[in-house]
Amino acid sequence: MARFLIEVPHDNTAAECARAAEVFLRTGSHFLTRADWGCMDGEHRAWIIVEVESKAEARSIVPPAFRSLARIVQLNTFTLEQVDELRRHHGS
């Protein structure tokens, strides 16, 4: 399975912070109830790391009200041996 970072922004108001957190917590989804939030540090977004089969599956975890705003990033790790491959991939 692949790992994905899901980033879900929301508006910078107390009402929107509370609404976003409540929507996530009320879903009962293990992924959503374990989201990390940046609101208390001025970053009005939630982050979740999941292991699923695809970006589409990662996006489907996000509550419908926030799905179109979510950014999904596939995460990778590298070994020292893979650094040359990484350079070739980026054309340097």
PDB file of N, CA and C in Angstrom:
ATOM      1  N   MET A   1       0.826  -1.181   0.000  1.00  0.00           N
ATOM      2  CA  MET A   1       0.000   0.000   0.000  1.00  0.00           C
ATOM      3  C   MET A   1       0.873   1.248   0.000  1.00  0.00           C
ATOM      4  N   ALA A   2       0.337   2.289  -0.539  1.00  0.00           N
ATOM      5  CA  ALA A   2       1.041   3.568  -0.589  1.00  0.00           C
ATOM      6  C   ALA A   2       0.655   4.422   0.619  1.00  0.00           C
ATOM      7  N   ARG A   3       1.546   5.352   0.957  1.00  0.00           N
ATOM      8  CA  ARG A   3       1.271   6.300   2.046  1.00  0.00           C
ATOM      9  C   ARG A   3       0.937   7.650   1.435  1.00  0.00           C
ATOM     10  N   PHE A   4      -0.054   8.322   2.008  1.00  0.00           N
ATOM     11  CA  PHE A   4      -0.488   9.627   1.531  1.00  0.00           C
ATOM     12  C   PHE A   4      -0.649  10.580   2.697  1.00  0.00           C
ATOM     13  N   LEU A   5      -0.270  11.839   2.448  1.00  0.00           N
ATOM     14  CA  LEU A   5      -0.550  12.926   3.365  1.00  0.00           C
ATOM     15  C   LEU A   5      -1.810  13.609   2.858  1.00  0.00           C
ATOM     16  N   ILE A   6      -2.805  13.722   3.712  1.00  0.00           N
ATOM     17  CA  ILE A   6      -4.022  14.439   3.385  1.00  0.00           C
ATOM     18  C   ILE A   6      -3.980  15.747   4.157  1.00  0.00           C
ATOM     19  N   GLU A   7      -4.091  16.855   3.433  1.00  0.00           N
ATOM     20  CA  GLU A   7      -4.111  18.170   4.068  1.00  0.00           C
ATOM     21  C   GLU A   7      -5.456  18.822   3.762  1.00  0.00           C
ATOM     22  N   VAL A   8      -6.156  19.229   4.814  1.00  0.00           N
ATOM     23  CA  VAL A   8      -7.494  19.792   4.650  1.00  0.00           C
ATOM     24  C   VAL A   8      -7.542  21.170   5.299  1.00  0.00           C
ATOM     25  N   PRO A   9      -7.603  22.233   4.481  1.00  0.00           N
ATOM     26  CA  PRO A   9      -7.674  23.583   5.041  1.00  0.00           C
ATOM     27  C   PRO A   9      -9.113  23.968   5.404  1.00  0.00           C
ATOM     28  N   HIS A  10      -9.217  24.972   6.257  1.00  0.00           N
ATOM     29  CA  HIS A  10     -10.514  25.575   6.559  1.00  0.00           C
ATOM     30  C   HIS A  10     -10.281  27.050   6.880  1.00  0.00           C
ATOM     31  N   ASP A  11     -11.364  27.810   6.907  1.00  0.00           N
ATOM     32  CA  ASP A  11     -11.254  29.244   7.145  1.00  0.00           C
ATOM     33  C   ASP A  11     -10.736  29.553   8.543  1.00  0.00           C
ATOM     34  N   ASN A  12     -10.117  30.726   8.648  1.00  0.00           N
ATOM     35  CA  ASN A  12      -9.469  31.180   9.870  1.00  0.00           C
ATOM     36  C   ASN A  12     -10.462  31.927  10.767  1.00  0.00           C
ATOM     37  N   THR A  13     -11.464  31.222  11.248  1.00  0.00           N
ATOM     38  CA  THR A  13     -12.390  31.786  12.237  1.00  0.00           C
ATOM     39  C   THR A  13     -12.625  30.733  13.300  1.00  0.00           C
ATOM     40  N   ALA A  14     -12.991  31.188  14.487  1.00  0.00           N
ATOM     41  CA  ALA A  14     -13.255  30.243  15.570  1.00  0.00           C
ATOM     42  C   ALA A  14     -14.384  29.296  15.187  1.00  0.00           C
ATOM     43  N   ALA A  15     -15.403  29.830  14.526  1.00  0.00           N
ATOM     44  CA  ALA A  15     -16.546  29.001  14.136  1.00  0.00           C
ATOM     45  C   ALA A  15     -16.136  27.925  13.143  1.00  0.00           C
ATOM     46  N   GLU A  16     -15.300  28.273  12.171  1.00  0.00           N
ATOM     47  CA  GLU A  16     -14.871  27.292  11.170  1.00  0.00           C
ATOM     48  C   GLU A  16     -13.924  26.260  11.752  1.00  0.00           C
ATOM     49  N   CYS A  17     -13.050  26.669  12.656  1.00  0.00           N
ATOM     50  CA  CYS A  17     -12.172  25.700  13.332  1.00  0.00           C
ATOM     51  C   CYS A  17     -13.024  24.674  14.073  1.00  0.00           C
ATOM     52  N   ALA A  18     -13.996  25.175  14.840  1.00  0.00           N
ATOM     53  CA  ALA A  18     -14.854  24.278  15.617  1.00  0.00           C
ATOM     54  C   ALA A  18     -15.675  23.386  14.691  1.00  0.00           C
ATOM     55  N   ARG A  19     -16.202  23.947  13.605  1.00  0.00           N
ATOM     56  CA  ARG A  19     -17.009  23.157  12.675  1.00  0.00           C
ATOM     57  C   ARG A  19     -16.178  22.049  12.038  1.00  0.00           C
ATOM     58  N   ALA A  20     -14.971  22.393  11.574  1.00  0.00           N
ATOM     59  CA  ALA A  20     -14.113  21.397  10.927  1.00  0.00           C
ATOM     60  C   ALA A  20     -13.771  20.271  11.897  1.00  0.00           C
ATOM     61  N   ALA A  21     -13.355  20.631  13.098  1.00  0.00           N
ATOM     62  CA  ALA A  21     -13.001  19.602  14.085  1.00  0.00           C
ATOM     63  C   ALA A  21     -14.212  18.746  14.421  1.00  0.00           C
ATOM     64  N   GLU A  22     -15.359  19.367  14.581  1.00  0.00           N
ATOM     65  CA  GLU A  22     -16.562  18.610  14.914  1.00  0.00           C
ATOM     66  C   GLU A  22     -16.963  17.650  13.792  1.00  0.00           C
ATOM     67  N   VAL A  23     -16.901  18.121  12.549  1.00  0.00           N
ATOM     68  CA  VAL A  23     -17.231  17.252  11.407  1.00  0.00           C
ATOM     69  C   VAL A  23     -16.300  16.051  11.388  1.00  0.00           C
ATOM     70  N   PHE A  24     -15.006  16.286  11.566  1.00  0.00           N
ATOM     71  CA  PHE A  24     -14.056  15.178  11.567  1.00  0.00           C
ATOM     72  C   PHE A  24     -14.358  14.202  12.710  1.00  0.00           C
ATOM     73  N   LEU A  25     -14.556  14.718  13.913  1.00  0.00           N
ATOM     74  CA  LEU A  25     -14.755  13.851  15.072  1.00  0.00           C
ATOM     75  C   LEU A  25     -16.074  13.098  15.027  1.00  0.00           C
ATOM     76  N   ARG A  26     -17.100  13.700  14.490  1.00  0.00           N
ATOM     77  CA  ARG A  26     -18.414  13.051  14.450  1.00  0.00           C
ATOM     78  C   ARG A  26     -18.498  11.948  13.397  1.00  0.00           C
ATOM     79  N   THR A  27     -17.564  11.927  12.453  1.00  0.00           N
ATOM     80  CA  THR A  27     -17.619  10.874  11.440  1.00  0.00           C
ATOM     81  C   THR A  27     -17.352   9.509  12.050  1.00  0.00           C
ATOM     82  N   GLY A  28     -16.582   9.496  13.136  1.00  0.00           N
ATOM     83  CA  GLY A  28     -16.254   8.233  13.764  1.00  0.00           C
ATOM     84  C   GLY A  28     -15.136   7.479  13.061  1.00  0.00           C
ATOM     85  N   SER A  29     -14.682   7.985  11.928  1.00  0.00           N
ATOM     86  CA  SER A  29     -13.603   7.332  11.196  1.00  0.00           C
ATOM     87  C   SER A  29     -12.311   7.386  12.002  1.00  0.00           C
ATOM     88  N   HIS A  30     -11.649   6.252  12.116  1.00  0.00           N
ATOM     89  CA  HIS A  30     -10.369   6.180  12.827  1.00  0.00           C
ATOM     90  C   HIS A  30      -9.381   7.210  12.276  1.00  0.00           C
ATOM     91  N   PHE A  31      -9.319   7.331  10.954  1.00  0.00           N
ATOM     92  CA  PHE A  31      -8.386   8.282  10.343  1.00  0.00           C
ATOM     93  C   PHE A  31      -8.707   9.712  10.769  1.00  0.00           C
ATOM     94  N   LEU A  32      -9.978  10.078  10.704  1.00  0.00           N
ATOM     95  CA  LEU A  32     -10.363  11.462  10.968  1.00  0.00           C
ATOM     96  C   LEU A  32     -10.273  11.833  12.436  1.00  0.00           C
ATOM     97  N   THR A  33     -10.555  10.893  13.303  1.00  0.00           N
ATOM     98  CA  THR A  33     -10.493  11.212  14.732  1.00  0.00           C
ATOM     99  C   THR A  33      -9.050  11.334  15.214  1.00  0.00           C
ATOM    100  N   ARG A  34      -8.106  10.908  14.393  1.00  0.00           N
ATOM    101  CA  ARG A  34      -6.687  11.013  14.750  1.00  0.00           C
ATOM    102  C   ARG A  34      -5.957  12.094  13.943  1.00  0.00           C
ATOM    103  N   ALA A  35      -6.701  13.000  13.325  1.00  0.00           N
ATOM    104  CA  ALA A  35      -6.099  14.079  12.548  1.00  0.00           C
ATOM    105  C   ALA A  35      -5.280  14.986  13.458  1.00  0.00           C
ATOM    106  N   ASP A  36      -4.228  15.567  12.896  1.00  0.00           N
ATOM    107  CA  ASP A  36      -3.442  16.588  13.585  1.00  0.00           C
ATOM    108  C   ASP A  36      -3.887  17.943  13.052  1.00  0.00           C
ATOM    109  N   TRP A  37      -4.022  18.905  13.939  1.00  0.00           N
ATOM    110  CA  TRP A  37      -4.539  20.225  13.594  1.00  0.00           C
ATOM    111  C   TRP A  37      -3.492  21.294  13.887  1.00  0.00           C
ATOM    112  N   GLY A  38      -3.444  22.332  13.049  1.00  0.00           N
ATOM    113  CA  GLY A  38      -2.509  23.438  13.242  1.00  0.00           C
ATOM    114  C   GLY A  38      -3.156  24.715  13.731  1.00  0.00           C
ATOM    115  N   CYS A  39      -4.443  24.683  14.033  1.00  0.00           N
ATOM    116  CA  CYS A  39      -5.210  25.894  14.359  1.00  0.00           C
ATOM    117  C   CYS A  39      -4.612  26.697  15.513  1.00  0.00           C
ATOM    118  N   MET A  40      -4.150  26.025  16.540  1.00  0.00           N
ATOM    119  CA  MET A  40      -3.634  26.733  17.715  1.00  0.00           C
ATOM    120  C   MET A  40      -2.323  27.448  17.427  1.00  0.00           C
ATOM    121  N   ASP A  41      -1.726  27.174  16.262  1.00  0.00           N
ATOM    122  CA  ASP A  41      -0.489  27.847  15.858  1.00  0.00           C
ATOM    123  C   ASP A  41      -0.716  28.702  14.613  1.00  0.00           C
ATOM    124  N   GLY A  42      -1.981  28.987  14.292  1.00  0.00           N
ATOM    125  CA  GLY A  42      -2.296  29.857  13.164  1.00  0.00           C
ATOM    126  C   GLY A  42      -2.333  29.170  11.806  1.00  0.00           C
ATOM    127  N   GLU A  43      -2.159  27.863  11.761  1.00  0.00           N
ATOM    128  CA  GLU A  43      -2.250  27.091  10.513  1.00  0.00           C
ATOM    129  C   GLU A  43      -3.587  26.371  10.503  1.00  0.00           C
ATOM    130  N   HIS A  44      -4.533  26.903   9.786  1.00  0.00           N
ATOM    131  CA  HIS A  44      -5.902  26.394   9.852  1.00  0.00           C
ATOM    132  C   HIS A  44      -6.104  25.263   8.852  1.00  0.00           C
ATOM    133  N   ARG A  45      -5.575  24.112   9.236  1.00  0.00           N
ATOM    134  CA  ARG A  45      -5.654  22.905   8.425  1.00  0.00           C
ATOM    135  C   ARG A  45      -5.489  21.684   9.317  1.00  0.00           C
ATOM    136  N   ALA A  46      -5.972  20.582   8.789  1.00  0.00           N
ATOM    137  CA  ALA A  46      -5.789  19.285   9.445  1.00  0.00           C
ATOM    138  C   ALA A  46      -4.891  18.448   8.548  1.00  0.00           C
ATOM    139  N   TRP A  47      -4.101  17.574   9.170  1.00  0.00           N
ATOM    140  CA  TRP A  47      -3.233  16.659   8.432  1.00  0.00           C
ATOM    141  C   TRP A  47      -3.479  15.243   8.911  1.00  0.00           C
ATOM    142  N   ILE A  48      -3.496  14.347   7.946  1.00  0.00           N
ATOM    143  CA  ILE A  48      -3.682  12.926   8.243  1.00  0.00           C
ATOM    144  C   ILE A  48      -2.719  12.160   7.334  1.00  0.00           C
ATOM    145  N   ILE A  49      -2.057  11.152   7.858  1.00  0.00           N
ATOM    146  CA  ILE A  49      -1.239  10.258   7.035  1.00  0.00           C
ATOM    147  C   ILE A  49      -1.930   8.899   7.037  1.00  0.00           C
ATOM    148  N   VAL A  50      -2.187   8.385   5.836  1.00  0.00           N
ATOM    149  CA  VAL A  50      -2.894   7.113   5.702  1.00  0.00           C
ATOM    150  C   VAL A  50      -2.139   6.177   4.763  1.00  0.00           C
ATOM    151  N   GLU A  51      -2.364   4.901   4.942  1.00  0.00           N
ATOM    152  CA  GLU A  51      -1.873   3.885   4.016  1.00  0.00           C
ATOM    153  C   GLU A  51      -3.080   3.282   3.318  1.00  0.00           C
ATOM    154  N   VAL A  52      -3.213   3.607   2.029  1.00  0.00           N
ATOM    155  CA  VAL A  52      -4.333   3.127   1.218  1.00  0.00           C
ATOM    156  C   VAL A  52      -3.807   2.807  -0.179  1.00  0.00           C
ATOM    157  N   GLU A  53      -4.667   2.303  -1.029  1.00  0.00           N
ATOM    158  CA  GLU A  53      -4.261   1.868  -2.367  1.00  0.00           C
ATOM    159  C   GLU A  53      -4.040   2.998  -3.368  1.00  0.00           C
ATOM    160  N   SER A  54      -4.756   4.126  -3.219  1.00  0.00           N
ATOM    161  CA  SER A  54      -4.692   5.157  -4.254  1.00  0.00           C
ATOM    162  C   SER A  54      -5.020   6.535  -3.697  1.00  0.00           C
ATOM    163  N   LYS A  55      -4.716   7.577  -4.506  1.00  0.00           N
ATOM    164  CA  LYS A  55      -5.097   8.939  -4.143  1.00  0.00           C
ATOM    165  C   LYS A  55      -6.609   9.064  -4.021  1.00  0.00           C
ATOM    166  N   ALA A  56      -7.316   8.394  -4.915  1.00  0.00           N
ATOM    167  CA  ALA A  56      -8.776   8.450  -4.870  1.00  0.00           C
ATOM    168  C   ALA A  56      -9.299   7.886  -3.547  1.00  0.00           C
ATOM    169  N   GLU A  57      -8.714   6.802  -3.096  1.00  0.00           N
ATOM    170  CA  GLU A  57      -9.134   6.219  -1.821  1.00  0.00           C
ATOM    171  C   GLU A  57      -8.793   7.151  -0.665  1.00  0.00           C
ATOM    172  N   ALA A  58      -7.630   7.805  -0.729  1.00  0.00           N
ATOM    173  CA  ALA A  58      -7.253   8.773   0.304  1.00  0.00           C
ATOM    174  C   ALA A  58      -8.253   9.929   0.329  1.00  0.00           C
ATOM    175  N   ARG A  59      -8.626  10.440  -0.840  1.00  0.00           N
ATOM    176  CA  ARG A  59      -9.582  11.552  -0.909  1.00  0.00           C
ATOM    177  C   ARG A  59     -10.942  11.139  -0.354  1.00  0.00           C
ATOM    178  N   SER A  60     -11.319   9.887  -0.552  1.00  0.00           N
ATOM    179  CA  SER A  60     -12.631   9.435  -0.091  1.00  0.00           C
ATOM    180  C   SER A  60     -12.739   9.400   1.435  1.00  0.00           C
ATOM    181  N   ILE A  61     -11.622   9.437   2.122  1.00  0.00           N
ATOM    182  CA  ILE A  61     -11.615   9.467   3.584  1.00  0.00           C
ATOM    183  C   ILE A  61     -12.097  10.822   4.103  1.00  0.00           C
ATOM    184  N   VAL A  62     -11.844  11.874   3.329  1.00  0.00           N
ATOM    185  CA  VAL A  62     -12.177  13.241   3.744  1.00  0.00           C
ATOM    186  C   VAL A  62     -13.695  13.432   3.705  1.00  0.00           C
ATOM    187  N   PRO A  63     -14.258  14.072   4.738  1.00  0.00           N
ATOM    188  CA  PRO A  63     -15.698  14.332   4.716  1.00  0.00           C
ATOM    189  C   PRO A  63     -16.087  15.114   3.457  1.00  0.00           C
ATOM    190  N   PRO A  64     -17.246  14.812   2.878  1.00  0.00           N
ATOM    191  CA  PRO A  64     -17.664  15.454   1.633  1.00  0.00           C
ATOM    192  C   PRO A  64     -17.587  16.981   1.655  1.00  0.00           C
ATOM    193  N   ALA A  65     -17.879  17.602   2.773  1.00  0.00           N
ATOM    194  CA  ALA A  65     -17.865  19.063   2.853  1.00  0.00           C
ATOM    195  C   ALA A  65     -16.479  19.657   2.628  1.00  0.00           C
ATOM    196  N   PHE A  66     -15.433  18.857   2.834  1.00  0.00           N
ATOM    197  CA  PHE A  66     -14.060  19.347   2.712  1.00  0.00           C
ATOM    198  C   PHE A  66     -13.294  18.684   1.570  1.00  0.00           C
ATOM    199  N   ARG A  67     -13.902  17.713   0.923  1.00  0.00           N
ATOM    200  CA  ARG A  67     -13.205  16.887  -0.070  1.00  0.00           C
ATOM    201  C   ARG A  67     -12.587  17.700  -1.207  1.00  0.00           C
ATOM    202  N   SER A  68     -13.311  18.687  -1.725  1.00  0.00           N
ATOM    203  CA  SER A  68     -12.787  19.461  -2.864  1.00  0.00           C
ATOM    204  C   SER A  68     -11.620  20.358  -2.471  1.00  0.00           C
ATOM    205  N   LEU A  69     -11.474  20.657  -1.190  1.00  0.00           N
ATOM    206  CA  LEU A  69     -10.386  21.508  -0.706  1.00  0.00           C
ATOM    207  C   LEU A  69      -9.130  20.715  -0.352  1.00  0.00           C
ATOM    208  N   ALA A  70      -9.281  19.417  -0.173  1.00  0.00           N
ATOM    209  CA  ALA A  70      -8.185  18.589   0.318  1.00  0.00           C
ATOM    210  C   ALA A  70      -7.062  18.466  -0.705  1.00  0.00           C
ATOM    211  N   ARG A  71      -5.845  18.468  -0.192  1.00  0.00           N
ATOM    212  CA  ARG A  71      -4.663  18.210  -1.010  1.00  0.00           C
ATOM    213  C   ARG A  71      -4.129  16.857  -0.589  1.00  0.00           C
ATOM    214  N   ILE A  72      -3.911  15.993  -1.579  1.00  0.00           N
ATOM    215  CA  ILE A  72      -3.437  14.632  -1.318  1.00  0.00           C
ATOM    216  C   ILE A  72      -2.041  14.498  -1.924  1.00  0.00           C
ATOM    217  N   VAL A  73      -1.071  14.097  -1.101  1.00  0.00           N
ATOM    218  CA  VAL A  73       0.318  13.975  -1.548  1.00  0.00           C
ATOM    219  C   VAL A  73       0.806  12.570  -1.238  1.00  0.00           C
ATOM    220  N   GLN A  74       1.276  11.853  -2.274  1.00  0.00           N
ATOM    221  CA  GLN A  74       1.858  10.540  -2.025  1.00  0.00           C
ATOM    222  C   GLN A  74       3.224  10.735  -1.389  1.00  0.00           C
ATOM    223  N   LEU A  75       3.488  10.003  -0.336  1.00  0.00           N
ATOM    224  CA  LEU A  75       4.741  10.104   0.400  1.00  0.00           C
ATOM    225  C   LEU A  75       5.684   8.976  -0.007  1.00  0.00           C
ATOM    226  N   ASN A  76       6.956   9.296  -0.081  1.00  0.00           N
ATOM    227  CA  ASN A  76       7.979   8.311  -0.411  1.00  0.00           C
ATOM    228  C   ASN A  76       9.149   8.478   0.539  1.00  0.00           C
ATOM    229  N   THR A  77       9.882   7.407   0.731  1.00  0.00           N
ATOM    230  CA  THR A  77      11.153   7.477   1.437  1.00  0.00           C
ATOM    231  C   THR A  77      12.234   7.102   0.433  1.00  0.00           C
ATOM    232  N   PHE A  78      13.464   7.482   0.734  1.00  0.00           N
ATOM    233  CA  PHE A  78      14.579   7.195  -0.162  1.00  0.00           C
ATOM    234  C   PHE A  78      15.734   6.601   0.616  1.00  0.00           C
ATOM    235  N   THR A  79      16.469   5.731  -0.049  1.00  0.00           N
ATOM    236  CA  THR A  79      17.736   5.240   0.482  1.00  0.00           C
ATOM    237  C   THR A  79      18.844   6.032  -0.210  1.00  0.00           C
ATOM    238  N   LEU A  80      20.036   5.931   0.302  1.00  0.00           N
ATOM    239  CA  LEU A  80      21.163   6.618  -0.356  1.00  0.00           C
ATOM    240  C   LEU A  80      21.342   6.115  -1.784  1.00  0.00           C
ATOM    241  N   GLU A  81      21.070   4.834  -1.998  1.00  0.00           N
ATOM    242  CA  GLU A  81      21.223   4.266  -3.334  1.00  0.00           C
ATOM    243  C   GLU A  81      20.204   4.852  -4.323  1.00  0.00           C
ATOM    244  N   GLN A  82      19.097   5.317  -3.828  1.00  0.00           N
ATOM    245  CA  GLN A  82      18.061   5.853  -4.705  1.00  0.00           C
ATOM    246  C   GLN A  82      18.253   7.329  -5.054  1.00  0.00           C
ATOM    247  N   VAL A  83      19.223   7.975  -4.438  1.00  0.00           N
ATOM    248  CA  VAL A  83      19.436   9.402  -4.690  1.00  0.00           C
ATOM    249  C   VAL A  83      19.805   9.660  -6.153  1.00  0.00           C
ATOM    250  N   ASP A  84      20.651   8.833  -6.753  1.00  0.00           N
ATOM    251  CA  ASP A  84      21.000   9.013  -8.168  1.00  0.00           C
ATOM    252  C   ASP A  84      19.765   8.869  -9.053  1.00  0.00           C
ATOM    253  N   GLU A  85      18.919   7.905  -8.735  1.00  0.00           N
ATOM    254  CA  GLU A  85      17.673   7.737  -9.477  1.00  0.00           C
ATOM    255  C   GLU A  85      16.797   8.982  -9.339  1.00  0.00           C
ATOM    256  N   LEU A  86      16.781   9.544  -8.156  1.00  0.00           N
ATOM    257  CA  LEU A  86      16.012  10.764  -7.915  1.00  0.00           C
ATOM    258  C   LEU A  86      16.557  11.913  -8.761  1.00  0.00           C
ATOM    259  N   ARG A  87      17.876  12.037  -8.819  1.00  0.00           N
ATOM    260  CA  ARG A  87      18.488  13.083  -9.666  1.00  0.00           C
ATOM    261  C   ARG A  87      18.105  12.892 -11.137  1.00  0.00           C
ATOM    262  N   ARG A  88      18.161  11.645 -11.622  1.00  0.00           N
ATOM    263  CA  ARG A  88      17.783  11.383 -13.012  1.00  0.00           C
ATOM    264  C   ARG A  88      16.309  11.727 -13.256  1.00  0.00           C
ATOM    265  N   HIS A  89      15.484  11.426 -12.296  1.00  0.00           N
ATOM    266  CA  HIS A  89      14.058  11.714 -12.417  1.00  0.00           C
ATOM    267  C   HIS A  89      13.823  13.211 -12.581  1.00  0.00           C
ATOM    268  N   HIS A  90      14.632  14.015 -11.914  1.00  0.00           N
ATOM    269  CA  HIS A  90      14.479  15.473 -11.987  1.00  0.00           C
ATOM    270  C   HIS A  90      15.389  16.112 -13.020  1.00  0.00           C
ATOM    271  N   GLY A  91      16.057  15.302 -13.800  1.00  0.00           N
ATOM    272  CA  GLY A  91      16.851  15.813 -14.922  1.00  0.00           C
ATOM    273  C   GLY A  91      18.138  16.517 -14.546  1.00  0.00           C
ATOM    274  N   SER A  92      18.724  16.186 -13.404  1.00  0.00           N
ATOM    275  CA  SER A  92      20.001  16.819 -13.034  1.00  0.00           C
ATOM    276  C   SER A  92      21.098  15.796 -12.875  1.00  0.00           C
TER     277      SER A  92
END
